[in-house]
Amino acid sequence: MHYEHMTHGTCSKKITFDLEENGTVHNIVFFGGCPGNLQAIPKILEGWNADDIIERLSGNDCAGRGTSCADQLARALVVAKEKLAEAK
């Protein structure tokens, strides 16, 4: 399923991605933010399991904001997993 997450507290404004029923994440795209980092993160995480991404990126902080683009991706994946479970 395709998901769209409007970010909060970060330079990026939106994240989109696809989450498969087996938990695999594909096609991560950040809109806005630091281009170098936010182009690299999706390349690194392509095909990873959502639980692994959540575990590694949750709580990552950017400049004392209490969140980051990576943390926002982890939060979006938690919500997407819940929606996917409800749809079953």
N, C-alpha and C. Protein backbone atom coordinates (compact mmCIF):
# COMPACT_ATOMS: atom_id res chain seq x y z
N MET A 1 0.84 -1.18 0.00
CA MET A 1 0.00 0.00 0.00
C MET A 1 0.88 1.25 0.00
N HIS A 2 0.40 2.28 -0.63
CA HIS A 2 1.13 3.54 -0.71
C HIS A 2 0.67 4.44 0.44
N TYR A 3 1.63 5.07 1.10
CA TYR A 3 1.34 5.94 2.24
C TYR A 3 1.97 7.31 2.05
N GLU A 4 1.29 8.31 2.59
CA GLU A 4 1.77 9.69 2.56
C GLU A 4 1.71 10.23 3.98
N HIS A 5 2.81 10.82 4.43
CA HIS A 5 2.90 11.36 5.80
C HIS A 5 3.34 12.81 5.74
N MET A 6 2.53 13.69 6.31
CA MET A 6 2.90 15.10 6.43
C MET A 6 3.75 15.23 7.69
N THR A 7 4.97 15.70 7.54
CA THR A 7 5.91 15.75 8.66
C THR A 7 5.64 16.95 9.57
N HIS A 8 6.17 16.87 10.79
CA HIS A 8 6.03 17.93 11.79
C HIS A 8 7.39 18.17 12.43
N GLY A 9 7.82 19.43 12.48
CA GLY A 9 9.05 19.79 13.17
C GLY A 9 10.33 19.55 12.38
N THR A 10 10.20 19.36 11.07
CA THR A 10 11.37 19.11 10.23
C THR A 10 11.36 20.01 9.00
N CYS A 11 12.50 20.07 8.34
CA CYS A 11 12.59 20.84 7.10
C CYS A 11 11.82 20.17 5.96
N SER A 12 11.82 18.85 5.94
CA SER A 12 11.01 18.17 4.93
C SER A 12 9.54 18.35 5.30
N LYS A 13 8.69 18.37 4.31
CA LYS A 13 7.26 18.62 4.54
C LYS A 13 6.41 17.36 4.41
N LYS A 14 6.91 16.39 3.66
CA LYS A 14 6.12 15.20 3.40
C LYS A 14 7.04 14.03 3.09
N ILE A 15 6.59 12.82 3.45
CA ILE A 15 7.28 11.59 3.10
C ILE A 15 6.25 10.65 2.49
N THR A 16 6.61 10.01 1.38
CA THR A 16 5.76 8.98 0.82
C THR A 16 6.57 7.68 0.72
N PHE A 17 5.87 6.57 0.77
CA PHE A 17 6.52 5.26 0.66
C PHE A 17 5.46 4.19 0.42
N ASP A 18 5.92 3.02 0.02
CA ASP A 18 5.07 1.86 -0.15
C ASP A 18 5.44 0.85 0.92
N LEU A 19 4.42 0.28 1.56
CA LEU A 19 4.62 -0.74 2.58
C LEU A 19 3.90 -2.01 2.14
N GLU A 20 4.66 -3.07 1.95
CA GLU A 20 4.07 -4.35 1.54
C GLU A 20 3.52 -5.08 2.76
N GLU A 21 2.64 -6.04 2.53
CA GLU A 21 2.03 -6.81 3.63
C GLU A 21 3.07 -7.54 4.47
N ASN A 22 4.21 -7.91 3.86
CA ASN A 22 5.25 -8.61 4.61
C ASN A 22 6.16 -7.65 5.39
N GLY A 23 5.85 -6.34 5.34
CA GLY A 23 6.60 -5.34 6.09
C GLY A 23 7.74 -4.69 5.35
N THR A 24 7.95 -5.07 4.10
CA THR A 24 9.02 -4.49 3.31
C THR A 24 8.64 -3.09 2.84
N VAL A 25 9.60 -2.16 2.89
CA VAL A 25 9.37 -0.77 2.52
C VAL A 25 10.08 -0.46 1.20
N HIS A 26 9.38 0.23 0.31
CA HIS A 26 9.92 0.61 -0.99
C HIS A 26 9.54 2.05 -1.32
N ASN A 27 10.27 2.61 -2.25
CA ASN A 27 9.93 3.91 -2.87
C ASN A 27 9.78 5.06 -1.88
N ILE A 28 10.70 5.15 -0.92
CA ILE A 28 10.67 6.24 0.05
C ILE A 28 11.07 7.53 -0.67
N VAL A 29 10.26 8.57 -0.48
CA VAL A 29 10.56 9.88 -1.07
C VAL A 29 10.29 10.95 -0.01
N PHE A 30 11.30 11.80 0.23
CA PHE A 30 11.15 12.95 1.11
C PHE A 30 10.93 14.18 0.23
N PHE A 31 10.03 15.05 0.63
CA PHE A 31 9.76 16.30 -0.08
C PHE A 31 10.24 17.45 0.78
N GLY A 32 11.21 18.20 0.27
CA GLY A 32 11.83 19.28 1.04
C GLY A 32 12.96 18.73 1.88
N GLY A 33 13.59 19.59 2.65
CA GLY A 33 14.67 19.16 3.52
C GLY A 33 16.03 19.19 2.85
N CYS A 34 16.99 18.55 3.46
CA CYS A 34 18.38 18.51 3.00
C CYS A 34 18.53 17.50 1.87
N PRO A 35 18.70 17.93 0.65
CA PRO A 35 18.69 17.01 -0.49
C PRO A 35 19.68 15.86 -0.40
N GLY A 36 20.89 16.12 0.00
CA GLY A 36 21.89 15.05 0.03
C GLY A 36 21.50 13.93 0.97
N ASN A 37 21.16 14.29 2.20
CA ASN A 37 20.77 13.28 3.19
C ASN A 37 19.47 12.59 2.81
N LEU A 38 18.51 13.36 2.34
CA LEU A 38 17.19 12.79 2.10
C LEU A 38 17.09 12.06 0.76
N GLN A 39 18.13 12.14 -0.05
CA GLN A 39 18.22 11.26 -1.21
C GLN A 39 18.97 9.98 -0.84
N ALA A 40 19.89 10.09 0.12
CA ALA A 40 20.67 8.93 0.55
C ALA A 40 19.85 7.96 1.40
N ILE A 41 19.06 8.49 2.32
CA ILE A 41 18.29 7.62 3.22
C ILE A 41 17.43 6.62 2.45
N PRO A 42 16.63 7.06 1.46
CA PRO A 42 15.83 6.08 0.72
C PRO A 42 16.67 5.03 -0.02
N LYS A 43 17.82 5.41 -0.53
CA LYS A 43 18.68 4.44 -1.22
C LYS A 43 19.17 3.38 -0.25
N ILE A 44 19.53 3.80 0.95
CA ILE A 44 20.03 2.86 1.95
C ILE A 44 18.92 1.93 2.44
N LEU A 45 17.72 2.49 2.64
CA LEU A 45 16.64 1.73 3.26
C LEU A 45 15.76 0.96 2.29
N GLU A 46 15.95 1.12 1.01
CA GLU A 46 15.13 0.42 0.00
C GLU A 46 15.14 -1.09 0.26
N GLY A 47 13.94 -1.65 0.43
CA GLY A 47 13.80 -3.08 0.64
C GLY A 47 13.94 -3.55 2.07
N TRP A 48 14.18 -2.64 2.99
CA TRP A 48 14.31 -3.01 4.41
C TRP A 48 12.93 -3.32 4.99
N ASN A 49 12.92 -4.01 6.10
CA ASN A 49 11.71 -4.29 6.84
C ASN A 49 11.35 -3.07 7.68
N ALA A 50 10.08 -2.73 7.75
CA ALA A 50 9.62 -1.56 8.49
C ALA A 50 10.06 -1.61 9.96
N ASP A 51 9.99 -2.78 10.59
CA ASP A 51 10.38 -2.88 12.00
C ASP A 51 11.85 -2.53 12.21
N ASP A 52 12.70 -2.94 11.27
CA ASP A 52 14.12 -2.61 11.38
C ASP A 52 14.35 -1.11 11.23
N ILE A 53 13.63 -0.49 10.30
CA ILE A 53 13.75 0.95 10.11
C ILE A 53 13.29 1.68 11.36
N ILE A 54 12.14 1.28 11.89
CA ILE A 54 11.60 1.91 13.10
C ILE A 54 12.59 1.80 14.25
N GLU A 55 13.14 0.62 14.44
CA GLU A 55 14.08 0.39 15.53
C GLU A 55 15.32 1.28 15.42
N ARG A 56 15.84 1.43 14.22
CA ARG A 56 17.08 2.18 14.03
C ARG A 56 16.89 3.70 13.98
N LEU A 57 15.74 4.16 13.51
CA LEU A 57 15.58 5.59 13.30
C LEU A 57 14.74 6.31 14.34
N SER A 58 13.95 5.59 15.12
CA SER A 58 13.09 6.23 16.13
C SER A 58 13.93 7.01 17.12
N GLY A 59 13.49 8.23 17.38
CA GLY A 59 14.16 9.07 18.37
C GLY A 59 15.35 9.85 17.85
N ASN A 60 15.69 9.67 16.59
CA ASN A 60 16.80 10.44 16.01
C ASN A 60 16.42 11.93 16.04
N ASP A 61 17.30 12.75 16.58
CA ASP A 61 17.00 14.17 16.77
C ASP A 61 17.85 15.04 15.86
N CYS A 62 17.26 16.10 15.35
CA CYS A 62 17.97 17.07 14.51
C CYS A 62 17.98 18.43 15.21
N ALA A 63 19.15 18.85 15.64
CA ALA A 63 19.34 20.19 16.19
C ALA A 63 18.41 20.52 17.35
N GLY A 64 18.15 19.54 18.21
CA GLY A 64 17.33 19.78 19.39
C GLY A 64 15.85 19.97 19.12
N ARG A 65 15.39 19.55 17.97
CA ARG A 65 13.97 19.71 17.60
C ARG A 65 13.07 18.65 18.22
N GLY A 66 13.67 17.60 18.76
CA GLY A 66 12.87 16.52 19.30
C GLY A 66 12.43 15.51 18.25
N THR A 67 12.82 15.73 17.04
CA THR A 67 12.52 14.84 15.93
C THR A 67 13.51 15.12 14.81
N SER A 68 13.38 14.40 13.73
CA SER A 68 14.21 14.60 12.54
C SER A 68 13.46 13.98 11.37
N CYS A 69 13.98 14.16 10.19
CA CYS A 69 13.36 13.53 9.03
C CYS A 69 13.37 12.01 9.16
N ALA A 70 14.46 11.46 9.68
CA ALA A 70 14.55 10.02 9.89
C ALA A 70 13.54 9.56 10.94
N ASP A 71 13.42 10.30 12.03
CA ASP A 71 12.44 9.98 13.07
C ASP A 71 11.02 10.08 12.53
N GLN A 72 10.76 11.07 11.70
CA GLN A 72 9.44 11.22 11.09
C GLN A 72 9.11 10.02 10.20
N LEU A 73 10.11 9.49 9.51
CA LEU A 73 9.89 8.28 8.70
C LEU A 73 9.52 7.12 9.62
N ALA A 74 10.23 6.97 10.72
CA ALA A 74 9.91 5.89 11.67
C ALA A 74 8.49 6.04 12.20
N ARG A 75 8.11 7.25 12.56
CA ARG A 75 6.75 7.49 13.06
C ARG A 75 5.71 7.19 11.99
N ALA A 76 5.99 7.57 10.75
CA ALA A 76 5.06 7.30 9.65
C ALA A 76 4.91 5.81 9.43
N LEU A 77 5.99 5.07 9.57
CA LEU A 77 5.92 3.62 9.39
C LEU A 77 5.09 2.96 10.49
N VAL A 78 5.17 3.45 11.71
CA VAL A 78 4.34 2.92 12.80
C VAL A 78 2.87 3.07 12.44
N VAL A 79 2.49 4.25 11.98
CA VAL A 79 1.09 4.52 11.61
C VAL A 79 0.69 3.66 10.41
N ALA A 80 1.56 3.56 9.42
CA ALA A 80 1.26 2.77 8.23
C ALA A 80 1.06 1.31 8.58
N LYS A 81 1.88 0.79 9.48
CA LYS A 81 1.74 -0.61 9.91
C LYS A 81 0.39 -0.82 10.60
N GLU A 82 -0.03 0.14 11.40
CA GLU A 82 -1.34 0.04 12.08
C GLU A 82 -2.46 0.05 11.05
N LYS A 83 -2.38 0.92 10.06
CA LYS A 83 -3.41 0.98 9.02
C LYS A 83 -3.45 -0.30 8.19
N LEU A 84 -2.28 -0.83 7.91
CA LEU A 84 -2.19 -2.08 7.14
C LEU A 84 -2.82 -3.22 7.93
N ALA A 85 -2.59 -3.27 9.23
CA ALA A 85 -3.16 -4.31 10.08
C ALA A 85 -4.69 -4.18 10.14
N GLU A 86 -5.18 -2.94 10.21
CA GLU A 86 -6.64 -2.71 10.25
C GLU A 86 -7.30 -3.12 8.95
N ALA A 87 -6.59 -2.98 7.84
CA ALA A 87 -7.16 -3.29 6.53
C ALA A 87 -7.30 -4.80 6.29
N LYS A 88 -6.63 -5.59 7.10
CA LYS A 88 -6.67 -7.05 6.91
C LYS A 88 -7.97 -7.64 7.44
